[in-house]
C-alpha cells in the first residue's frame, strides 16, 4: 500500500495565520479499477482512496505509516494545491 504525506493548505475564507495539519492520503491501487457493467462507469474495489488521515506533526504521520506497513512515495512541506502568486499592478493587465 502506498501513500503520500503533505501539509494541509489554508482555506480561502481564512484570514488569520494558519498552521496546517499533515495529511496522509492513500494512493489507489490501479489493479482494482474496472468498468461497471450496468452504467459503464469507472468503479474500484479499493476503498483506501477515500481515506485521508490528519496528523499534528509529520513524524506522527511517518510513524503511523511505518507501523501499518504503508510506503510513503511523496512527502512535501508545501501543499499539493499550492500556486505561485506573482504580484502585479492592475495596469499590467492591459499591456
PDB file of N, CA and C in Angstrom:
ATOM      1  N   UNK A   1       0.846  -1.167   0.000  1.00  0.00           N
ATOM      2  CA  UNK A   1       0.000   0.000   0.000  1.00  0.00           C
ATOM      3  C   UNK A   1       0.896   1.237   0.000  1.00  0.00           C
ATOM      4  N   UNK A   2       0.541   2.205  -0.820  1.00  0.00           N
ATOM      5  CA  UNK A   2       1.321   3.425  -0.954  1.00  0.00           C
ATOM      6  C   UNK A   2       0.514   4.631  -0.479  1.00  0.00           C
ATOM      7  N   UNK A   3       1.235   5.649  -0.010  1.00  0.00           N
ATOM      8  CA  UNK A   3       0.567   6.865   0.464  1.00  0.00           C
ATOM      9  C   UNK A   3       1.469   8.062   0.220  1.00  0.00           C
ATOM     10  N   UNK A   4       0.864   9.238   0.281  1.00  0.00           N
ATOM     11  CA  UNK A   4       1.632  10.478   0.208  1.00  0.00           C
ATOM     12  C   UNK A   4       1.299  11.317   1.438  1.00  0.00           C
ATOM     13  N   UNK A   5       2.280  12.100   1.855  1.00  0.00           N
ATOM     14  CA  UNK A   5       2.115  12.975   3.010  1.00  0.00           C
ATOM     15  C   UNK A   5       2.333  14.404   2.539  1.00  0.00           C
ATOM     16  N   UNK A   6       1.410  15.272   2.887  1.00  0.00           N
ATOM     17  CA  UNK A   6       1.551  16.683   2.536  1.00  0.00           C
ATOM     18  C   UNK A   6       0.885  17.533   3.606  1.00  0.00           C
ATOM     19  N   UNK A   7       1.188  18.810   3.565  1.00  0.00           N
ATOM     20  CA  UNK A   7       0.647  19.736   4.555  1.00  0.00           C
ATOM     21  C   UNK A   7      -0.653  20.348   4.052  1.00  0.00           C
ATOM     22  N   UNK A   8      -1.626  20.421   4.937  1.00  0.00           N
ATOM     23  CA  UNK A   8      -2.940  20.978   4.608  1.00  0.00           C
ATOM     24  C   UNK A   8      -2.802  22.464   4.306  1.00  0.00           C
ATOM     25  N   UNK A   9      -3.531  22.937   3.304  1.00  0.00           N
ATOM     26  CA  UNK A   9      -3.435  24.355   2.970  1.00  0.00           C
ATOM     27  C   UNK A   9      -4.569  25.148   3.615  1.00  0.00           C
ATOM     28  N   UNK A  10      -4.358  26.439   3.683  1.00  0.00           N
ATOM     29  CA  UNK A  10      -5.332  27.343   4.302  1.00  0.00           C
ATOM     30  C   UNK A  10      -6.544  27.508   3.394  1.00  0.00           C
ATOM     31  N   UNK A  11      -7.706  27.570   3.979  1.00  0.00           N
ATOM     32  CA  UNK A  11      -8.941  27.794   3.240  1.00  0.00           C
ATOM     33  C   UNK A  11      -8.976  29.225   2.707  1.00  0.00           C
ATOM     34  N   UNK A  12      -9.698  29.434   1.632  1.00  0.00           N
ATOM     35  CA  UNK A  12      -9.780  30.765   1.029  1.00  0.00           C
ATOM     36  C   UNK A  12     -10.511  31.754   1.927  1.00  0.00           C
ATOM     37  N   UNK A  13     -11.317  31.272   2.851  1.00  0.00           N
ATOM     38  CA  UNK A  13     -12.091  32.166   3.711  1.00  0.00           C
ATOM     39  C   UNK A  13     -11.370  32.511   5.012  1.00  0.00           C
ATOM     40  N   UNK A  14     -10.167  31.979   5.218  1.00  0.00           N
ATOM     41  CA  UNK A  14      -9.433  32.263   6.443  1.00  0.00           C
ATOM     42  C   UNK A  14      -8.472  33.416   6.223  1.00  0.00           C
ATOM     43  N   UNK A  15      -8.444  34.332   7.173  1.00  0.00           N
ATOM     44  CA  UNK A  15      -7.512  35.447   7.069  1.00  0.00           C
ATOM     45  C   UNK A  15      -6.445  35.386   8.156  1.00  0.00           C
ATOM     46  N   UNK A  16      -6.677  34.623   9.193  1.00  0.00           N
ATOM     47  CA  UNK A  16      -5.720  34.517  10.289  1.00  0.00           C
ATOM     48  C   UNK A  16      -4.559  33.618   9.890  1.00  0.00           C
ATOM     49  N   UNK A  17      -3.426  33.736  10.582  1.00  0.00           N
ATOM     50  CA  UNK A  17      -2.311  32.813  10.307  1.00  0.00           C
ATOM     51  C   UNK A  17      -2.764  31.370  10.489  1.00  0.00           C
ATOM     52  N   UNK A  18      -2.219  30.498   9.676  1.00  0.00           N
ATOM     53  CA  UNK A  18      -2.711  29.122   9.626  1.00  0.00           C
ATOM     54  C   UNK A  18      -1.564  28.143   9.811  1.00  0.00           C
ATOM     55  N   UNK A  19      -1.705  27.274  10.765  1.00  0.00           N
ATOM     56  CA  UNK A  19      -0.763  26.167  10.955  1.00  0.00           C
ATOM     57  C   UNK A  19      -1.494  24.900  10.549  1.00  0.00           C
ATOM     58  N   UNK A  20      -1.280  24.470   9.328  1.00  0.00           N
ATOM     59  CA  UNK A  20      -1.998  23.317   8.799  1.00  0.00           C
ATOM     60  C   UNK A  20      -1.516  22.010   9.393  1.00  0.00           C
ATOM     61  N   UNK A  21      -2.396  21.042   9.387  1.00  0.00           N
ATOM     62  CA  UNK A  21      -2.046  19.707   9.837  1.00  0.00           C
ATOM     63  C   UNK A  21      -1.466  18.927   8.667  1.00  0.00           C
ATOM     64  N   UNK A  22      -0.819  17.823   8.969  1.00  0.00           N
ATOM     65  CA  UNK A  22      -0.249  16.956   7.954  1.00  0.00           C
ATOM     66  C   UNK A  22      -1.269  15.901   7.570  1.00  0.00           C
ATOM     67  N   UNK A  23      -1.389  15.627   6.284  1.00  0.00           N
ATOM     68  CA  UNK A  23      -2.375  14.675   5.787  1.00  0.00           C
ATOM     69  C   UNK A  23      -1.662  13.492   5.163  1.00  0.00           C
ATOM     70  N   UNK A  24      -2.071  12.292   5.549  1.00  0.00           N
ATOM     71  CA  UNK A  24      -1.605  11.059   4.928  1.00  0.00           C
ATOM     72  C   UNK A  24      -2.748  10.565   4.055  1.00  0.00           C
ATOM     73  N   UNK A  25      -2.516  10.545   2.759  1.00  0.00           N
ATOM     74  CA  UNK A  25      -3.555  10.173   1.791  1.00  0.00           C
ATOM     75  C   UNK A  25      -3.102   8.934   1.037  1.00  0.00           C
ATOM     76  N   UNK A  26      -3.928   7.913   1.015  1.00  0.00           N
ATOM     77  CA  UNK A  26      -3.592   6.675   0.335  1.00  0.00           C
ATOM     78  C   UNK A  26      -3.738   6.837  -1.175  1.00  0.00           C
ATOM     79  N   UNK A  27      -2.848   6.194  -1.909  1.00  0.00           N
ATOM     80  CA  UNK A  27      -2.886   6.217  -3.368  1.00  0.00           C
ATOM     81  C   UNK A  27      -3.620   4.974  -3.830  1.00  0.00           C
ATOM     82  N   UNK A  28      -4.631   5.125  -4.691  1.00  0.00           N
ATOM     83  CA  UNK A  28      -5.433   3.968  -5.097  1.00  0.00           C
ATOM     84  C   UNK A  28      -4.623   2.953  -5.903  1.00  0.00           C
ATOM     85  N   UNK A  29      -4.994   1.713  -5.746  1.00  0.00           N
ATOM     86  CA  UNK A  29      -4.357   0.617  -6.471  1.00  0.00           C
ATOM     87  C   UNK A  29      -4.952   0.544  -7.871  1.00  0.00           C
ATOM     88  N   UNK A  30      -4.152   0.683  -8.937  1.00  0.00           N
ATOM     89  CA  UNK A  30      -4.715   0.672 -10.292  1.00  0.00           C
ATOM     90  C   UNK A  30      -5.256  -0.691 -10.719  1.00  0.00           C
ATOM     91  N   UNK A  31      -4.878  -1.742 -10.001  1.00  0.00           N
ATOM     92  CA  UNK A  31      -5.362  -3.078 -10.359  1.00  0.00           C
ATOM     93  C   UNK A  31      -6.826  -3.285  -9.973  1.00  0.00           C
ATOM     94  N   UNK A  32      -7.334  -2.477  -9.051  1.00  0.00           N
ATOM     95  CA  UNK A  32      -8.704  -2.648  -8.601  1.00  0.00           C
ATOM     96  C   UNK A  32      -9.724  -1.864  -9.409  1.00  0.00           C
ATOM     97  N   UNK A  33      -9.307  -1.179 -10.468  1.00  0.00           N
ATOM     98  CA  UNK A  33     -10.206  -0.352 -11.269  1.00  0.00           C
ATOM     99  C   UNK A  33     -10.830  -1.200 -12.382  1.00  0.00           C
ATOM    100  N   UNK A  34     -12.125  -1.058 -12.553  1.00  0.00           N
ATOM    101  CA  UNK A  34     -12.836  -1.771 -13.611  1.00  0.00           C
ATOM    102  C   UNK A  34     -14.006  -0.918 -14.082  1.00  0.00           C
ATOM    103  N   UNK A  35     -14.603  -1.300 -15.194  1.00  0.00           N
ATOM    104  CA  UNK A  35     -15.767  -0.586 -15.726  1.00  0.00           C
ATOM    105  C   UNK A  35     -17.015  -1.352 -15.309  1.00  0.00           C
ATOM    106  N   UNK A  36     -17.925  -0.633 -14.658  1.00  0.00           N
ATOM    107  CA  UNK A  36     -19.165  -1.240 -14.191  1.00  0.00           C
ATOM    108  C   UNK A  36     -20.031  -1.645 -15.387  1.00  0.00           C
ATOM    109  N   UNK A  37     -20.574  -2.852 -15.346  1.00  0.00           N
ATOM    110  CA  UNK A  37     -21.373  -3.358 -16.455  1.00  0.00           C
ATOM    111  C   UNK A  37     -22.731  -2.698 -16.580  1.00  0.00           C
ATOM    112  N   UNK A  38     -23.268  -2.204 -15.491  1.00  0.00           N
ATOM    113  CA  UNK A  38     -24.609  -1.629 -15.541  1.00  0.00           C
ATOM    114  C   UNK A  38     -24.639  -0.238 -16.162  1.00  0.00           C
ATOM    115  N   UNK A  39     -23.773   0.641 -15.678  1.00  0.00           N
ATOM    116  CA  UNK A  39     -23.813   2.034 -16.108  1.00  0.00           C
ATOM    117  C   UNK A  39     -22.603   2.452 -16.943  1.00  0.00           C
ATOM    118  N   UNK A  40     -21.654   1.539 -17.143  1.00  0.00           N
ATOM    119  CA  UNK A  40     -20.404   1.840 -17.838  1.00  0.00           C
ATOM    120  C   UNK A  40     -19.614   2.952 -17.158  1.00  0.00           C
ATOM    121  N   UNK A  41     -19.654   3.003 -15.841  1.00  0.00           N
ATOM    122  CA  UNK A  41     -18.871   3.952 -15.062  1.00  0.00           C
ATOM    123  C   UNK A  41     -17.604   3.270 -14.592  1.00  0.00           C
ATOM    124  N   UNK A  42     -16.577   4.068 -14.331  1.00  0.00           N
ATOM    125  CA  UNK A  42     -15.374   3.516 -13.730  1.00  0.00           C
ATOM    126  C   UNK A  42     -15.667   3.227 -12.272  1.00  0.00           C
ATOM    127  N   UNK A  43     -15.294   2.054 -11.825  1.00  0.00           N
ATOM    128  CA  UNK A  43     -15.516   1.657 -10.445  1.00  0.00           C
ATOM    129  C   UNK A  43     -14.204   1.120  -9.888  1.00  0.00           C
ATOM    130  N   UNK A  44     -14.161   0.925  -8.584  1.00  0.00           N
ATOM    131  CA  UNK A  44     -12.950   0.441  -7.949  1.00  0.00           C
ATOM    132  C   UNK A  44     -13.300  -0.439  -6.767  1.00  0.00           C
ATOM    133  N   UNK A  45     -12.459  -1.421  -6.522  1.00  0.00           N
ATOM    134  CA  UNK A  45     -12.637  -2.270  -5.347  1.00  0.00           C
ATOM    135  C   UNK A  45     -11.781  -1.778  -4.189  1.00  0.00           C
ATOM    136  N   UNK A  46     -10.955  -0.768  -4.429  1.00  0.00           N
ATOM    137  CA  UNK A  46     -10.046  -0.222  -3.420  1.00  0.00           C
ATOM    138  C   UNK A  46     -10.715   0.945  -2.700  1.00  0.00           C
ATOM    139  N   UNK A  47     -11.065   0.745  -1.434  1.00  0.00           N
ATOM    140  CA  UNK A  47     -11.736   1.811  -0.675  1.00  0.00           C
ATOM    141  C   UNK A  47     -10.755   2.722   0.050  1.00  0.00           C
ATOM    142  N   UNK A  48      -9.462   2.390   0.020  1.00  0.00           N
ATOM    143  CA  UNK A  48      -8.469   3.218   0.709  1.00  0.00           C
ATOM    144  C   UNK A  48      -8.309   4.588   0.077  1.00  0.00           C
ATOM    145  N   UNK A  49      -8.710   4.750  -1.185  1.00  0.00           N
ATOM    146  CA  UNK A  49      -8.572   6.062  -1.823  1.00  0.00           C
ATOM    147  C   UNK A  49      -9.509   7.099  -1.212  1.00  0.00           C
ATOM    148  N   UNK A  50     -10.470   6.656  -0.429  1.00  0.00           N
ATOM    149  CA  UNK A  50     -11.412   7.572   0.208  1.00  0.00           C
ATOM    150  C   UNK A  50     -10.928   8.059   1.571  1.00  0.00           C
ATOM    151  N   UNK A  51      -9.798   7.528   2.033  1.00  0.00           N
ATOM    152  CA  UNK A  51      -9.335   7.807   3.389  1.00  0.00           C
ATOM    153  C   UNK A  51      -8.232   8.854   3.383  1.00  0.00           C
ATOM    154  N   UNK A  52      -8.398   9.881   4.215  1.00  0.00           N
ATOM    155  CA  UNK A  52      -7.363  10.882   4.464  1.00  0.00           C
ATOM    156  C   UNK A  52      -7.211  11.005   5.972  1.00  0.00           C
ATOM    157  N   UNK A  53      -6.035  10.705   6.470  1.00  0.00           N
ATOM    158  CA  UNK A  53      -5.773  10.784   7.897  1.00  0.00           C
ATOM    159  C   UNK A  53      -5.026  12.078   8.199  1.00  0.00           C
ATOM    160  N   UNK A  54      -5.410  12.770   9.268  1.00  0.00           N
ATOM    161  CA  UNK A  54      -4.793  14.041   9.633  1.00  0.00           C
ATOM    162  C   UNK A  54      -3.967  13.874  10.905  1.00  0.00           C
ATOM    163  N   UNK A  55      -2.755  14.451  10.876  1.00  0.00           N
ATOM    164  CA  UNK A  55      -1.831  14.370  11.999  1.00  0.00           C
ATOM    165  C   UNK A  55      -1.322  15.770  12.323  1.00  0.00           C
ATOM    166  N   UNK A  56      -0.913  15.963  13.588  1.00  0.00           N
ATOM    167  CA  UNK A  56      -0.391  17.262  14.007  1.00  0.00           C
ATOM    168  C   UNK A  56       1.045  17.476  13.540  1.00  0.00           C
ATOM    169  N   UNK A  57       1.836  16.399  13.459  1.00  0.00           N
ATOM    170  CA  UNK A  57       3.230  16.513  13.038  1.00  0.00           C
ATOM    171  C   UNK A  57       3.518  15.512  11.931  1.00  0.00           C
ATOM    172  N   UNK A  58       4.549  15.794  11.165  1.00  0.00           N
ATOM    173  CA  UNK A  58       4.946  14.891  10.091  1.00  0.00           C
ATOM    174  C   UNK A  58       5.527  13.603  10.672  1.00  0.00           C
ATOM    175  N   UNK A  59       6.153  13.696  11.853  1.00  0.00           N
ATOM    176  CA  UNK A  59       6.705  12.500  12.484  1.00  0.00           C
ATOM    177  C   UNK A  59       5.614  11.525  12.899  1.00  0.00           C
ATOM    178  N   UNK A  60       4.479  12.052  13.341  1.00  0.00           N
ATOM    179  CA  UNK A  60       3.353  11.193  13.705  1.00  0.00           C
ATOM    180  C   UNK A  60       2.811  10.466  12.475  1.00  0.00           C
ATOM    181  N   UNK A  61       2.753  11.162  11.347  1.00  0.00           N
ATOM    182  CA  UNK A  61       2.278  10.545  10.108  1.00  0.00           C
ATOM    183  C   UNK A  61       3.242   9.462   9.636  1.00  0.00           C
ATOM    184  N   UNK A  62       4.546   9.746   9.736  1.00  0.00           N
ATOM    185  CA  UNK A  62       5.541   8.760   9.325  1.00  0.00           C
ATOM    186  C   UNK A  62       5.522   7.526  10.223  1.00  0.00           C
ATOM    187  N   UNK A  63       5.362   7.728  11.524  1.00  0.00           N
ATOM    188  CA  UNK A  63       5.334   6.582  12.438  1.00  0.00           C
ATOM    189  C   UNK A  63       4.083   5.741  12.222  1.00  0.00           C
ATOM    190  N   UNK A  64       2.945   6.378  11.912  1.00  0.00           N
ATOM    191  CA  UNK A  64       1.729   5.621  11.597  1.00  0.00           C
ATOM    192  C   UNK A  64       1.946   4.771  10.354  1.00  0.00           C
ATOM    193  N   UNK A  65       2.576   5.360   9.329  1.00  0.00           N
ATOM    194  CA  UNK A  65       2.833   4.632   8.090  1.00  0.00           C
ATOM    195  C   UNK A  65       3.780   3.452   8.344  1.00  0.00           C
ATOM    196  N   UNK A  66       4.795   3.659   9.170  1.00  0.00           N
ATOM    197  CA  UNK A  66       5.744   2.586   9.469  1.00  0.00           C
ATOM    198  C   UNK A  66       5.070   1.449  10.234  1.00  0.00           C
ATOM    199  N   UNK A  67       4.199   1.786  11.187  1.00  0.00           N
ATOM    200  CA  UNK A  67       3.512   0.759  11.985  1.00  0.00           C
ATOM    201  C   UNK A  67       2.566  -0.091  11.140  1.00  0.00           C
ATOM    202  N   UNK A  68       1.941   0.512  10.129  1.00  0.00           N
ATOM    203  CA  UNK A  68       0.934  -0.187   9.338  1.00  0.00           C
ATOM    204  C   UNK A  68       1.448  -0.674   7.989  1.00  0.00           C
ATOM    205  N   UNK A  69       2.746  -0.597   7.750  1.00  0.00           N
ATOM    206  CA  UNK A  69       3.335  -1.115   6.524  1.00  0.00           C
ATOM    207  C   UNK A  69       2.989  -0.326   5.275  1.00  0.00           C
ATOM    208  N   UNK A  70       2.830   0.975   5.420  1.00  0.00           N
ATOM    209  CA  UNK A  70       2.490   1.842   4.288  1.00  0.00           C
ATOM    210  C   UNK A  70       3.781   2.472   3.768  1.00  0.00           C
ATOM    211  N   UNK A  71       4.000   2.412   2.459  1.00  0.00           N
ATOM    212  CA  UNK A  71       5.172   3.015   1.839  1.00  0.00           C
ATOM    213  C   UNK A  71       4.853   4.447   1.432  1.00  0.00           C
ATOM    214  N   UNK A  72       5.679   5.385   1.880  1.00  0.00           N
ATOM    215  CA  UNK A  72       5.475   6.796   1.546  1.00  0.00           C
ATOM    216  C   UNK A  72       6.248   7.085   0.262  1.00  0.00           C
ATOM    217  N   UNK A  73       5.541   7.574  -0.757  1.00  0.00           N
ATOM    218  CA  UNK A  73       6.220   7.867  -2.013  1.00  0.00           C
ATOM    219  C   UNK A  73       6.303   9.358  -2.302  1.00  0.00           C
ATOM    220  N   UNK A  74       5.594  10.170  -1.546  1.00  0.00           N
ATOM    221  CA  UNK A  74       5.638  11.614  -1.769  1.00  0.00           C
ATOM    222  C   UNK A  74       5.504  12.306  -0.434  1.00  0.00           C
ATOM    223  N   UNK A  75       6.413  13.223  -0.174  1.00  0.00           N
ATOM    224  CA  UNK A  75       6.351  13.990   1.063  1.00  0.00           C
ATOM    225  C   UNK A  75       6.697  15.424   0.728  1.00  0.00           C
ATOM    226  N   UNK A  76       5.850  16.345   1.114  1.00  0.00           N
ATOM    227  CA  UNK A  76       6.069  17.732   0.734  1.00  0.00           C
ATOM    228  C   UNK A  76       5.749  18.661   1.885  1.00  0.00           C
ATOM    229  N   UNK A  77       6.593  19.661   2.030  1.00  0.00           N
ATOM    230  CA  UNK A  77       6.349  20.711   3.016  1.00  0.00           C
ATOM    231  C   UNK A  77       5.227  21.608   2.535  1.00  0.00           C
ATOM    232  N   UNK A  78       5.091  21.728   1.229  1.00  0.00           N
ATOM    233  CA  UNK A  78       4.053  22.568   0.657  1.00  0.00           C
ATOM    234  C   UNK A  78       2.815  21.727   0.361  1.00  0.00           C
ATOM    235  N   UNK A  79       1.730  22.393   0.159  1.00  0.00           N
ATOM    236  CA  UNK A  79       0.500  21.714  -0.210  1.00  0.00           C
ATOM    237  C   UNK A  79       0.579  21.256  -1.665  1.00  0.00           C
ATOM    238  N   UNK A  80      -0.142  20.209  -2.009  1.00  0.00           N
ATOM    239  CA  UNK A  80      -0.178  19.733  -3.387  1.00  0.00           C
ATOM    240  C   UNK A  80      -0.869  20.747  -4.287  1.00  0.00           C
ATOM    241  N   UNK A  81      -1.731  21.567  -3.709  1.00  0.00           N
ATOM    242  CA  UNK A  81      -2.504  22.519  -4.494  1.00  0.00           C
ATOM    243  C   UNK A  81      -1.921  23.922  -4.464  1.00  0.00           C
ATOM    244  N   UNK A  82      -0.665  24.042  -4.023  1.00  0.00           N
ATOM    245  CA  UNK A  82      -0.105  25.381  -3.885  1.00  0.00           C
ATOM    246  C   UNK A  82       0.153  26.008  -5.250  1.00  0.00           C
ATOM    247  N   UNK A  83       0.005  27.301  -5.303  1.00  0.00           N
ATOM    248  CA  UNK A  83       0.165  28.063  -6.528  1.00  0.00           C
ATOM    249  C   UNK A  83       1.137  29.191  -6.271  1.00  0.00           C
ATOM    250  N   UNK A  84       1.991  29.496  -7.242  1.00  0.00           N
ATOM    251  CA  UNK A  84       2.888  30.628  -7.098  1.00  0.00           C
ATOM    252  C   UNK A  84       2.136  31.877  -7.555  1.00  0.00           C
ATOM    253  N   UNK A  85       2.079  32.856  -6.691  1.00  0.00           N
ATOM    254  CA  UNK A  85       1.361  34.093  -6.992  1.00  0.00           C
ATOM    255  C   UNK A  85       2.372  35.174  -7.315  1.00  0.00           C
ATOM    256  N   UNK A  86       2.218  35.788  -8.469  1.00  0.00           N
ATOM    257  CA  UNK A  86       3.083  36.902  -8.837  1.00  0.00           C
ATOM    258  C   UNK A  86       2.296  38.194  -8.664  1.00  0.00           C
ATOM    259  N   UNK A  87       2.906  39.132  -7.949  1.00  0.00           N
ATOM    260  CA  UNK A  87       2.240  40.410  -7.724  1.00  0.00           C
ATOM    261  C   UNK A  87       2.427  41.281  -8.952  1.00  0.00           C
ATOM    262  N   UNK A  88       1.357  41.900  -9.376  1.00  0.00           N
ATOM    263  CA  UNK A  88       1.439  42.845 -10.476  1.00  0.00           C
ATOM    264  C   UNK A  88       0.351  43.895 -10.292  1.00  0.00           C
ATOM    265  N   UNK A  89       0.504  44.975 -11.004  1.00  0.00           N
ATOM    266  CA  UNK A  89      -0.458  46.064 -10.867  1.00  0.00           C
ATOM    267  C   UNK A  89      -1.642  45.850 -11.821  1.00  0.00           C
ATOM    268  N   UNK A  90      -2.677  46.581 -11.595  1.00  0.00           N
ATOM    269  CA  UNK A  90      -3.872  46.497 -12.430  1.00  0.00           C
ATOM    270  C   UNK A  90      -3.565  46.914 -13.873  1.00  0.00           C
ATOM    271  N   UNK A  91      -2.658  47.861 -14.032  1.00  0.00           N
ATOM    272  CA  UNK A  91      -2.297  48.382 -15.341  1.00  0.00           C
ATOM    273  C   UNK A  91      -1.637  47.308 -16.217  1.00  0.00           C
ATOM    274  N   UNK A  92      -0.951  46.365 -15.614  1.00  0.00           N
ATOM    275  CA  UNK A  92      -0.257  45.318 -16.372  1.00  0.00           C
ATOM    276  C   UNK A  92      -1.220  44.362 -17.060  1.00  0.00           C
ATOM    277  N   UNK A  93      -2.472  44.373 -16.683  1.00  0.00           N
ATOM    278  CA  UNK A  93      -3.472  43.523 -17.342  1.00  0.00           C
ATOM    279  C   UNK A  93      -3.744  43.983 -18.764  1.00  0.00           C
ATOM    280  N   UNK A  94      -3.437  45.220 -19.094  1.00  0.00           N
ATOM    281  CA  UNK A  94      -3.786  45.789 -20.398  1.00  0.00           C
ATOM    282  C   UNK A  94      -2.575  46.001 -21.298  1.00  0.00           C
ATOM    283  N   UNK A  95      -1.425  45.475 -20.930  1.00  0.00           N
ATOM    284  CA  UNK A  95      -0.215  45.649 -21.753  1.00  0.00           C
ATOM    285  C   UNK A  95      -0.123  44.560 -22.783  1.00  0.00           C
TER     286      UNK A  95
END
